[in-house]
Amino acid sequence: MAIRPVRIFGDPVLRQKASPVESFDEPLAQLVGDMFETMHAYRGVGLAGNQVGVPQRVLVVELPGPQEGDAPLRLALVNPKLSEASGQQVEEEGCLSIPGIYEDIKRALKVRVRAQDLQGQPLDFVAEGYLARVVQHEVDHLDGVLFLDRLSPLRRQFLRRTLEAMARGEMPEGYEHPAGGTI
């Protein structure tokens, strides 16, 4: 397993719509292992393929267990599709690809998730609450959508200078790459 660099706002791969995964093989398993390791290194809870420069429809999620000491909920979703969204939640979101920016984002409270596992077997479940939020955020990435796109035009305008600097490779003050150095 390896820690891969997370692509930062301004990298064109973040706006690319990811391609469906067709081969459920060792390279896919290696990618998913690297994605989990990368997500842990960057202290995230979810990561999409294009965030590590691989525009394939694969994402990983790891959330703490419901109670202290419980095993974490760990998911690798291949070719995910969301449907049957219901309810509403508004909570603060951040993104490993947009470090230092946190904004309140409106998402569905519940979504039906259909995907495949690493062997290509179907998965079908309803995600609620925080899990629903994380999965929606990561599926947005696979569609080339960033959480910033869900902000009002006025709020995006307020962040414009910060985002332009980030797109030029200027990282927010205090940002440290998990492996040391800069991205």
Protein backbone atom coordinates (compact mmCIF):
# COMPACT_ATOMS: atom_id res chain seq x y z
CA MET A 1 0.00 0.00 0.00
CA ALA A 2 1.11 3.55 -0.68
CA ILE A 3 0.06 7.06 0.21
CA ARG A 4 -0.84 8.89 -2.99
CA PRO A 5 -0.85 12.67 -3.28
CA VAL A 6 -4.33 14.16 -3.02
CA ARG A 7 -5.12 16.45 -5.93
CA ILE A 8 -5.85 20.01 -4.90
CA PHE A 9 -8.44 22.50 -6.19
CA GLY A 10 -7.41 23.68 -9.63
CA ASP A 11 -6.26 20.25 -10.81
CA PRO A 12 -8.39 19.40 -13.89
CA VAL A 13 -8.88 15.76 -12.81
CA LEU A 14 -11.18 17.01 -10.02
CA ARG A 15 -13.62 18.30 -12.65
CA GLN A 16 -13.46 15.15 -14.74
CA LYS A 17 -16.39 12.73 -14.69
CA ALA A 18 -14.99 9.37 -13.61
CA SER A 19 -15.31 6.32 -15.86
CA PRO A 20 -17.04 3.12 -14.74
CA VAL A 21 -14.81 0.36 -13.40
CA GLU A 22 -14.95 -2.70 -15.64
CA SER A 23 -12.15 -4.89 -14.25
CA PHE A 24 -12.41 -6.23 -10.72
CA ASP A 25 -8.80 -7.28 -10.39
CA GLU A 26 -5.61 -6.81 -8.38
CA PRO A 27 -4.95 -3.25 -9.67
CA LEU A 28 -8.40 -2.23 -8.38
CA ALA A 29 -7.70 -3.85 -4.99
CA GLN A 30 -4.33 -2.05 -4.88
CA LEU A 31 -5.98 1.29 -5.72
CA VAL A 32 -8.55 0.82 -2.96
CA GLY A 33 -5.83 -0.13 -0.45
CA ASP A 34 -3.84 2.95 -1.42
CA MET A 35 -6.96 5.10 -1.13
CA PHE A 36 -7.65 3.89 2.43
CA GLU A 37 -4.03 4.52 3.39
CA THR A 38 -4.08 7.96 1.76
CA MET A 39 -7.37 8.87 3.44
CA HIS A 40 -5.94 7.91 6.84
CA ALA A 41 -2.73 9.89 6.23
CA TYR A 42 -4.73 13.00 5.34
CA ARG A 43 -7.14 12.38 8.24
CA GLY A 44 -10.24 12.17 6.06
CA VAL A 45 -13.40 10.08 6.23
CA GLY A 46 -13.92 9.60 2.49
CA LEU A 47 -11.93 9.71 -0.73
CA ALA A 48 -12.86 9.39 -4.41
CA GLY A 49 -10.67 7.98 -7.17
CA ASN A 50 -10.19 11.24 -9.01
CA GLN A 51 -8.91 12.87 -5.81
CA VAL A 52 -5.81 10.68 -6.19
CA GLY A 53 -5.64 11.24 -9.95
CA VAL A 54 -7.50 8.09 -10.99
CA PRO A 55 -10.77 9.08 -12.73
CA GLN A 56 -12.54 5.77 -12.10
CA ARG A 57 -15.84 5.36 -10.25
CA VAL A 58 -14.45 4.09 -6.96
CA LEU A 59 -14.63 5.62 -3.50
CA VAL A 60 -13.73 4.68 0.05
CA VAL A 61 -15.34 5.68 3.34
CA GLU A 62 -14.37 4.98 6.92
CA LEU A 63 -16.48 6.28 9.80
CA PRO A 64 -16.07 5.65 13.51
CA GLY A 65 -18.28 2.95 15.04
CA PRO A 66 -21.51 4.10 16.69
CA GLN A 67 -20.04 3.74 20.18
CA GLU A 68 -16.53 4.08 21.54
CA GLY A 69 -14.65 0.83 21.03
CA ASP A 70 -16.88 -0.31 18.14
CA ALA A 71 -15.21 -1.25 14.87
CA PRO A 72 -15.30 1.49 12.24
CA LEU A 73 -17.66 1.30 9.28
CA ARG A 74 -15.33 0.75 6.32
CA LEU A 75 -16.70 0.75 2.76
CA ALA A 76 -15.21 0.53 -0.71
CA LEU A 77 -17.87 1.34 -3.30
CA VAL A 78 -17.31 0.68 -6.99
CA ASN A 79 -19.59 2.24 -9.63
CA PRO A 80 -21.90 3.80 -7.00
CA LYS A 81 -25.28 5.21 -7.96
CA LEU A 82 -27.56 7.17 -5.63
CA SER A 83 -31.36 7.26 -5.74
CA GLU A 84 -34.41 7.74 -3.55
CA ALA A 85 -33.02 10.76 -1.73
CA SER A 86 -35.23 12.02 1.09
CA GLY A 87 -35.13 14.47 3.95
CA GLN A 88 -32.63 17.25 4.38
CA GLN A 89 -29.59 17.98 6.51
CA VAL A 90 -27.39 21.07 6.56
CA GLU A 91 -23.96 20.56 8.09
CA GLU A 92 -20.43 21.83 7.71
CA GLU A 93 -18.31 20.06 5.09
CA GLY A 94 -14.68 20.24 4.17
CA CYS A 95 -12.68 18.43 1.53
CA LEU A 96 -9.18 16.98 1.34
CA SER A 97 -8.88 18.56 -2.12
CA ILE A 98 -9.87 22.01 -0.82
CA PRO A 99 -7.91 22.28 2.44
CA GLY A 100 -8.81 24.94 4.96
CA ILE A 101 -12.30 25.72 3.64
CA TYR A 102 -15.37 24.55 5.55
CA GLU A 103 -18.92 25.53 4.63
CA ASP A 104 -22.48 24.51 5.50
CA ILE A 105 -23.87 22.33 2.71
CA LYS A 106 -27.42 21.05 2.22
CA ARG A 107 -27.65 17.31 1.47
CA ALA A 108 -30.30 14.60 1.56
CA LEU A 109 -30.72 12.94 4.95
CA LYS A 110 -31.21 9.49 3.38
CA VAL A 111 -30.13 8.02 0.05
CA ARG A 112 -30.28 4.59 -1.49
CA VAL A 113 -26.84 3.41 -2.58
CA ARG A 114 -26.35 0.81 -5.28
CA ALA A 115 -22.77 -0.15 -6.04
CA GLN A 116 -20.42 -3.09 -6.40
CA ASP A 117 -17.80 -4.43 -4.03
CA LEU A 118 -14.19 -5.21 -4.98
CA GLN A 119 -15.24 -8.56 -6.46
CA GLY A 120 -17.98 -6.99 -8.58
CA GLN A 121 -20.80 -8.25 -6.37
CA PRO A 122 -23.82 -5.94 -6.02
CA LEU A 123 -24.35 -3.81 -2.92
CA ASP A 124 -27.68 -2.15 -2.15
CA PHE A 125 -28.32 -0.24 1.09
CA VAL A 126 -29.83 2.92 2.51
CA ALA A 127 -27.36 5.41 3.95
CA GLU A 128 -28.62 7.87 6.56
CA GLY A 129 -27.23 10.87 8.40
CA TYR A 130 -23.46 11.33 8.35
CA LEU A 131 -22.88 8.27 6.14
CA ALA A 132 -25.37 9.65 3.60
CA ARG A 133 -23.55 13.00 3.64
CA VAL A 134 -20.12 11.43 3.10
CA VAL A 135 -21.31 9.15 0.30
CA GLN A 136 -23.07 12.04 -1.47
CA HIS A 137 -19.90 14.18 -1.19
CA GLU A 138 -17.72 11.42 -2.67
CA VAL A 139 -20.16 10.55 -5.48
CA ASP A 140 -20.19 14.26 -6.34
CA HIS A 141 -16.40 14.00 -6.79
CA LEU A 142 -16.89 11.10 -9.21
CA ASP A 143 -19.20 13.35 -11.22
CA GLY A 144 -16.67 16.22 -11.25
CA VAL A 145 -18.68 18.23 -8.70
CA LEU A 146 -17.05 19.92 -5.70
CA PHE A 147 -18.87 20.92 -2.53
CA LEU A 148 -18.11 24.53 -3.49
CA ASP A 149 -20.51 24.10 -6.43
CA ARG A 150 -23.31 23.70 -3.90
CA LEU A 151 -22.66 27.14 -2.36
CA SER A 152 -24.55 30.28 -3.30
CA PRO A 153 -22.87 32.47 -5.95
CA LEU A 154 -22.32 35.13 -3.27
CA ARG A 155 -20.52 32.70 -0.96
CA ARG A 156 -18.36 31.41 -3.85
CA GLN A 157 -17.46 35.00 -4.72
CA PHE A 158 -16.41 35.56 -1.10
CA LEU A 159 -14.00 32.58 -1.38
CA ARG A 160 -12.75 33.53 -4.87
CA ARG A 161 -9.32 34.91 -3.89
CA THR A 162 -8.54 31.97 -1.63
CA LEU A 163 -9.56 29.51 -4.33
CA GLU A 164 -7.55 31.33 -7.01
CA ALA A 165 -4.47 31.17 -4.77
CA MET A 166 -5.05 27.47 -4.14
CA ALA A 167 -5.37 26.85 -7.89
CA ARG A 168 -1.95 28.50 -8.30
CA GLY A 169 -0.50 26.05 -5.77
CA GLU A 170 -0.49 28.41 -2.78
CA MET A 171 -1.69 26.39 0.19
CA PRO A 172 -3.60 27.85 3.14
CA GLU A 173 -1.51 29.01 6.09
CA GLY A 174 -0.78 26.13 8.44
CA TYR A 175 -1.37 23.44 5.82
CA GLU A 176 1.02 20.52 6.14
CA HIS A 177 1.23 17.63 3.71
CA PRO A 178 0.88 14.36 5.71
CA ALA A 179 4.07 12.95 4.20
CA GLY A 180 5.96 16.20 4.73
CA GLY A 181 6.72 18.94 2.25
CA THR A 182 4.16 20.46 -0.06
CA ILE A 183 1.94 19.09 -2.76
